[in-house]
Amino acid sequence: MLVITRREGEEVVIGNPSSPLGVVRIATIKGDRVRLAFEFPREVDVHRREVADQILAGGTDEVSVVGKIRPAGGEAN
């Protein structure tokens, strides 16, 4: 497991830096809460651990846990 320290606004590049699979950005930090922004192609599934565990257990249909993706802070993509 890789553990790194990042400040608000800093990013982690996933995959080859010249053609990354995706980027994880520290969006905001407020107290003990950290908001992460994930920038990946729509073909790449990204789930919270508890949702991924439900999918693996067969307890949740993957379609039912998919929500609408909206840009953070009103940014347009």
N, C-alpha and C. Protein backbone atom coordinates (compact mmCIF):
# COMPACT_ATOMS: atom_id res chain seq x y z
N MET A 1 0.85 -1.17 0.00
CA MET A 1 0.00 0.00 0.00
C MET A 1 0.90 1.23 0.00
N LEU A 2 0.58 2.18 -0.83
CA LEU A 2 1.29 3.46 -0.88
C LEU A 2 0.53 4.47 -0.04
N VAL A 3 1.21 5.13 0.88
CA VAL A 3 0.60 6.17 1.70
C VAL A 3 1.37 7.46 1.42
N ILE A 4 0.66 8.51 1.02
CA ILE A 4 1.30 9.78 0.72
C ILE A 4 0.56 10.91 1.42
N THR A 5 1.22 12.04 1.52
CA THR A 5 0.62 13.22 2.10
C THR A 5 0.39 14.24 0.99
N ARG A 6 -0.80 14.79 0.93
CA ARG A 6 -1.14 15.80 -0.07
C ARG A 6 -1.85 16.93 0.65
N ARG A 7 -1.73 18.13 0.11
CA ARG A 7 -2.46 19.29 0.62
C ARG A 7 -3.65 19.57 -0.29
N GLU A 8 -4.56 20.38 0.19
CA GLU A 8 -5.72 20.76 -0.60
C GLU A 8 -5.28 21.31 -1.96
N GLY A 9 -5.92 20.81 -3.02
CA GLY A 9 -5.61 21.24 -4.38
C GLY A 9 -4.53 20.41 -5.06
N GLU A 10 -3.79 19.60 -4.31
CA GLU A 10 -2.74 18.77 -4.90
C GLU A 10 -3.35 17.49 -5.47
N GLU A 11 -2.61 16.86 -6.39
CA GLU A 11 -3.14 15.72 -7.12
C GLU A 11 -2.21 14.52 -7.05
N VAL A 12 -2.80 13.36 -7.34
CA VAL A 12 -2.07 12.11 -7.51
C VAL A 12 -2.45 11.59 -8.89
N VAL A 13 -1.45 11.28 -9.71
CA VAL A 13 -1.67 10.78 -11.07
C VAL A 13 -1.60 9.26 -11.02
N ILE A 14 -2.62 8.59 -11.58
CA ILE A 14 -2.69 7.13 -11.59
C ILE A 14 -2.30 6.64 -12.98
N GLY A 15 -1.29 5.79 -13.05
CA GLY A 15 -0.85 5.25 -14.33
C GLY A 15 0.31 6.06 -14.92
N ASN A 16 0.54 5.87 -16.20
CA ASN A 16 1.62 6.53 -16.93
C ASN A 16 1.39 8.04 -16.95
N PRO A 17 2.32 8.84 -16.43
CA PRO A 17 2.12 10.29 -16.38
C PRO A 17 1.90 10.95 -17.75
N SER A 18 2.45 10.36 -18.82
CA SER A 18 2.24 10.95 -20.15
C SER A 18 0.85 10.66 -20.69
N SER A 19 0.21 9.61 -20.17
CA SER A 19 -1.15 9.25 -20.58
C SER A 19 -1.84 8.59 -19.39
N PRO A 20 -2.17 9.37 -18.35
CA PRO A 20 -2.66 8.77 -17.11
C PRO A 20 -4.02 8.11 -17.24
N LEU A 21 -4.20 7.06 -16.45
CA LEU A 21 -5.51 6.41 -16.37
C LEU A 21 -6.49 7.34 -15.69
N GLY A 22 -6.01 8.09 -14.70
CA GLY A 22 -6.88 9.02 -14.00
C GLY A 22 -6.09 9.87 -13.02
N VAL A 23 -6.81 10.81 -12.40
CA VAL A 23 -6.21 11.72 -11.44
C VAL A 23 -7.12 11.81 -10.23
N VAL A 24 -6.51 11.80 -9.04
CA VAL A 24 -7.24 12.01 -7.79
C VAL A 24 -6.74 13.33 -7.21
N ARG A 25 -7.66 14.26 -6.93
CA ARG A 25 -7.30 15.57 -6.39
C ARG A 25 -7.92 15.75 -5.02
N ILE A 26 -7.18 16.37 -4.10
CA ILE A 26 -7.73 16.73 -2.80
C ILE A 26 -8.55 18.00 -3.03
N ALA A 27 -9.87 17.88 -3.02
CA ALA A 27 -10.74 19.01 -3.33
C ALA A 27 -10.81 19.98 -2.16
N THR A 28 -11.15 19.49 -0.98
CA THR A 28 -11.22 20.34 0.20
C THR A 28 -10.89 19.53 1.45
N ILE A 29 -10.43 20.23 2.47
CA ILE A 29 -10.20 19.65 3.78
C ILE A 29 -10.87 20.57 4.79
N LYS A 30 -11.82 20.04 5.54
CA LYS A 30 -12.52 20.80 6.58
C LYS A 30 -12.55 19.94 7.83
N GLY A 31 -11.72 20.31 8.82
CA GLY A 31 -11.65 19.51 10.04
C GLY A 31 -11.14 18.12 9.74
N ASP A 32 -11.91 17.10 10.12
CA ASP A 32 -11.50 15.72 9.86
C ASP A 32 -12.14 15.16 8.59
N ARG A 33 -12.72 16.03 7.76
CA ARG A 33 -13.37 15.59 6.51
C ARG A 33 -12.52 16.00 5.31
N VAL A 34 -12.29 15.05 4.42
CA VAL A 34 -11.51 15.30 3.20
C VAL A 34 -12.40 14.96 2.01
N ARG A 35 -12.52 15.90 1.07
CA ARG A 35 -13.28 15.64 -0.17
C ARG A 35 -12.28 15.37 -1.28
N LEU A 36 -12.49 14.25 -1.96
CA LEU A 36 -11.62 13.85 -3.07
C LEU A 36 -12.36 14.03 -4.38
N ALA A 37 -11.64 14.45 -5.40
CA ALA A 37 -12.21 14.56 -6.75
C ALA A 37 -11.49 13.54 -7.63
N PHE A 38 -12.27 12.69 -8.29
CA PHE A 38 -11.73 11.64 -9.15
C PHE A 38 -11.98 12.02 -10.60
N GLU A 39 -10.91 12.00 -11.40
CA GLU A 39 -11.05 12.28 -12.83
C GLU A 39 -10.57 11.05 -13.58
N PHE A 40 -11.54 10.22 -13.99
CA PHE A 40 -11.26 8.99 -14.71
C PHE A 40 -12.21 8.91 -15.91
N PRO A 41 -11.86 8.15 -16.94
CA PRO A 41 -12.80 7.94 -18.04
C PRO A 41 -14.08 7.28 -17.50
N ARG A 42 -15.19 7.56 -18.12
CA ARG A 42 -16.47 6.99 -17.67
C ARG A 42 -16.48 5.46 -17.70
N GLU A 43 -15.60 4.87 -18.50
CA GLU A 43 -15.55 3.40 -18.59
C GLU A 43 -14.95 2.78 -17.33
N VAL A 44 -14.27 3.56 -16.51
CA VAL A 44 -13.63 3.05 -15.30
C VAL A 44 -14.60 3.21 -14.14
N ASP A 45 -14.95 2.08 -13.52
CA ASP A 45 -15.84 2.11 -12.36
C ASP A 45 -15.07 2.60 -11.13
N VAL A 46 -15.68 3.52 -10.39
CA VAL A 46 -15.12 4.02 -9.14
C VAL A 46 -16.22 3.90 -8.09
N HIS A 47 -15.95 3.13 -7.02
CA HIS A 47 -16.95 2.89 -5.98
C HIS A 47 -16.35 3.14 -4.61
N ARG A 48 -17.18 3.59 -3.67
CA ARG A 48 -16.78 3.59 -2.27
C ARG A 48 -16.63 2.14 -1.84
N ARG A 49 -15.78 1.88 -0.85
CA ARG A 49 -15.51 0.50 -0.43
C ARG A 49 -16.79 -0.24 -0.03
N GLU A 50 -17.69 0.42 0.72
CA GLU A 50 -18.89 -0.28 1.17
C GLU A 50 -19.80 -0.67 -0.01
N VAL A 51 -19.82 0.14 -1.05
CA VAL A 51 -20.62 -0.18 -2.24
C VAL A 51 -19.94 -1.31 -3.02
N ALA A 52 -18.63 -1.25 -3.15
CA ALA A 52 -17.90 -2.31 -3.85
C ALA A 52 -18.11 -3.65 -3.14
N ASP A 53 -18.08 -3.64 -1.80
CA ASP A 53 -18.31 -4.88 -1.04
C ASP A 53 -19.71 -5.42 -1.28
N GLN A 54 -20.71 -4.54 -1.37
CA GLN A 54 -22.08 -4.98 -1.64
C GLN A 54 -22.19 -5.58 -3.03
N ILE A 55 -21.53 -4.98 -4.00
CA ILE A 55 -21.56 -5.52 -5.36
C ILE A 55 -20.92 -6.89 -5.39
N LEU A 56 -19.77 -7.05 -4.73
CA LEU A 56 -19.09 -8.34 -4.70
C LEU A 56 -19.90 -9.40 -3.98
N ALA A 57 -20.63 -9.01 -2.96
CA ALA A 57 -21.45 -9.95 -2.20
C ALA A 57 -22.73 -10.31 -2.95
N GLY A 58 -23.01 -9.59 -4.02
CA GLY A 58 -24.22 -9.85 -4.77
C GLY A 58 -25.45 -9.26 -4.12
N GLY A 59 -25.28 -8.47 -3.08
CA GLY A 59 -26.41 -7.88 -2.37
C GLY A 59 -26.98 -6.65 -3.02
N THR A 60 -26.25 -6.07 -3.97
CA THR A 60 -26.71 -4.85 -4.62
C THR A 60 -26.46 -4.95 -6.11
N ASP A 61 -27.47 -4.63 -6.88
CA ASP A 61 -27.31 -4.55 -8.32
C ASP A 61 -26.51 -3.29 -8.63
N GLU A 62 -25.43 -3.43 -9.38
CA GLU A 62 -24.55 -2.30 -9.66
C GLU A 62 -25.30 -1.11 -10.23
N VAL A 63 -26.30 -1.36 -11.06
CA VAL A 63 -27.05 -0.27 -11.67
C VAL A 63 -27.75 0.58 -10.62
N SER A 64 -28.18 -0.03 -9.52
CA SER A 64 -28.92 0.70 -8.51
C SER A 64 -28.04 1.63 -7.67
N VAL A 65 -26.73 1.46 -7.70
CA VAL A 65 -25.85 2.31 -6.90
C VAL A 65 -25.17 3.40 -7.72
N VAL A 66 -25.45 3.44 -9.01
CA VAL A 66 -24.85 4.45 -9.85
C VAL A 66 -25.66 5.73 -9.74
N GLY A 67 -24.99 6.82 -9.45
CA GLY A 67 -25.65 8.12 -9.34
C GLY A 67 -25.25 9.03 -10.46
N LYS A 68 -25.76 10.24 -10.41
CA LYS A 68 -25.41 11.22 -11.41
C LYS A 68 -24.07 11.85 -11.07
N ILE A 69 -23.24 12.03 -12.07
CA ILE A 69 -21.95 12.66 -11.88
C ILE A 69 -22.11 14.14 -12.17
N ARG A 70 -21.68 14.97 -11.22
CA ARG A 70 -21.76 16.41 -11.45
C ARG A 70 -20.43 17.04 -11.11
N PRO A 71 -20.05 18.04 -11.85
CA PRO A 71 -18.76 18.68 -11.59
C PRO A 71 -18.76 19.35 -10.22
N ALA A 72 -17.62 19.33 -9.55
CA ALA A 72 -17.49 19.99 -8.26
C ALA A 72 -17.34 21.48 -8.46
N GLY A 73 -17.99 22.27 -7.61
CA GLY A 73 -17.84 23.72 -7.66
C GLY A 73 -18.39 24.36 -8.90
N GLY A 74 -19.31 23.70 -9.60
CA GLY A 74 -19.95 24.30 -10.77
C GLY A 74 -19.08 24.31 -12.02
N GLU A 75 -17.94 23.57 -11.99
CA GLU A 75 -17.07 23.51 -13.15
C GLU A 75 -17.76 22.75 -14.27
N ALA A 76 -17.56 23.16 -15.49
CA ALA A 76 -18.10 22.44 -16.65
C ALA A 76 -17.02 21.56 -17.22
N ASN A 77 -17.39 20.32 -17.58
CA ASN A 77 -16.42 19.39 -18.20
C ASN A 77 -16.70 19.26 -19.65
